[in-house]
């Protein structure tokens, strides 16, 4: 992969990786991820597309978050990359899907957008109450507790986790962090470095809470993707978008979870997801 940089509207440098040949396709990663989290998906698409993987703010190659970070900054970062690369296709994962939604609302340069599990909060499907505890644990340097709090608050992990004692979840999280640190490769962004970024990503979901109806005027073609093992609120969001988006189709992946599009070492099935993206983005002759 070739590494390059682009400057966003406020002067922040955004780093990205590039692989493949053909029409441009930008992948916008989700929470607790970085540009390399979808490197296997990019490889699977690279025979047909020039794939761009960028580090969202606060991670890896890119500059830091700004004060009062809001989704408009994320849209501006994506817009800078769209402008530099000439790409017209985007694939957003989780919070990355929210960014692509908002961008498709504002930017005519997006012709097609594929969205995997956008965390739109509808009818109180997720409460923000846990954020106070999470923010305190981050401020205290207790990253393990903060990750457990965020996992439970965001309804991630197996459903039975909410019945597991906190100390067991912390022990399991410590083990995962150790494995992550042991297996780190050049360019990887570790769980320890990603943990503080959860604050900004959840705030994007809360910023757009109960605002899903505004996306009904999106003119771009949209592919909605979901996984059968994802938490219920993702399905609620996809159901709502299926109803309101004028040019949308829907695909659900049985037996996969919220990490379906990511690398295999994180439980993903990138080849399976790539098949649907190829069908959606590939130009019809």
Foldseek 3Di string as FASTA:
>chain_A
DDKDWWAFPVRKIKIKDKAADEAEEEEAEAALAAQQQQVVLCVLCRPHHTYIGIGPALDFPIHHADPPDELVRVLRRVVRVCVVRVHQEYEYAALRLVSVLVNLLPDPSHQEYEYELHQAAEPCPADPVLVVVLVVCVVVVNLLLNVLSLCVRVVHDAVCVVVDDPVVSSVVSVVVQVVQVVPDDPRGTGSSSRSVVSSVSVVNNVVCHPVLLSSLPRPHAYEYEYEPAEDPSSVVSSVVCVVRHPHYDYDYHYPAYSSQCTDVVVPHDSNVVSVVVCVVPPDDD
